[in-house]
Protein backbone atom coordinates (compact mmCIF):
# COMPACT_ATOMS: atom_id res chain seq x y z
CA MET A 1 8.43 -12.38 15.72
CA ALA A 2 9.06 -12.65 12.00
CA LEU A 3 5.36 -12.33 11.08
CA GLN A 4 4.95 -9.08 13.15
CA GLY A 5 7.89 -7.60 11.44
CA HIS A 6 6.56 -8.39 8.02
CA LEU A 7 3.23 -6.96 8.93
CA HIS A 8 5.00 -3.75 10.15
CA GLU A 9 7.03 -3.72 6.86
CA LEU A 10 3.83 -4.11 4.60
CA SER A 11 2.00 -1.51 6.65
CA ALA A 12 4.89 0.98 6.04
CA LYS A 13 4.73 0.28 2.37
CA HIS A 14 0.98 0.62 2.26
CA GLN A 15 1.39 4.06 3.89
CA LYS A 16 4.19 5.03 1.60
CA LEU A 17 1.98 4.31 -1.46
CA GLU A 18 -0.84 6.20 -0.08
CA GLU A 19 1.55 9.27 0.34
CA LEU A 20 2.88 8.76 -3.23
CA ILE A 21 -0.77 8.63 -4.57
CA GLU A 22 -1.61 11.88 -2.76
CA ALA A 23 1.55 13.62 -3.93
CA GLU A 24 1.00 12.49 -7.50
CA MET A 25 -2.61 13.60 -7.60
CA ALA A 26 -1.66 17.02 -6.03
CA HIS A 27 -0.08 17.87 -9.28
CA PRO A 28 -2.36 19.60 -11.96
CA ASP A 29 -1.09 17.13 -14.75
CA TRP A 30 -0.93 13.89 -12.72
CA ASP A 31 -0.48 10.82 -14.54
CA ASP A 32 -3.69 8.40 -14.68
CA VAL A 33 -1.60 5.29 -15.47
CA ARG A 34 0.95 5.85 -12.69
CA VAL A 35 -1.71 6.65 -10.05
CA ALA A 36 -3.77 3.36 -11.17
CA ALA A 37 -0.59 1.39 -10.80
CA LEU A 38 0.10 2.75 -7.30
CA LYS A 39 -3.58 2.14 -6.34
CA LYS A 40 -3.28 -1.34 -7.66
CA GLU A 41 -0.22 -2.14 -5.60
CA LYS A 42 -1.61 -0.58 -2.53
CA LEU A 43 -4.71 -2.78 -2.83
CA ARG A 44 -2.60 -5.82 -3.30
CA ILE A 45 -0.53 -4.99 -0.07
CA LYS A 46 -3.86 -4.28 1.89
CA ASP A 47 -5.16 -7.72 0.80
CA GLU A 48 -1.97 -9.37 1.90
CA LEU A 49 -2.08 -7.44 5.31
CA GLU A 50 -5.64 -8.65 5.82
CA ARG A 51 -4.75 -12.18 4.77
CA LEU A 52 -1.81 -12.33 7.24
CA ARG A 53 -3.83 -10.70 10.14
CA SER A 54 -6.62 -13.20 9.72
CA SER A 55 -4.17 -15.98 9.97
CA ILE A 56 -2.89 -14.76 13.22
CA HIS A 57 -6.40 -15.14 14.99
């Protein structure tokens, strides 16, 4: 199923972004702009995941 593969890929990207955000924020001099951009992308992927999951049901 192509849709399931796409969902899995998006979920993996979402998790990777979470890890990047945590790693960036672990540094004492973390970059606010980079973290904000990562969070924005993570939210975009979350919204896409929710949209695709709702279209399945």
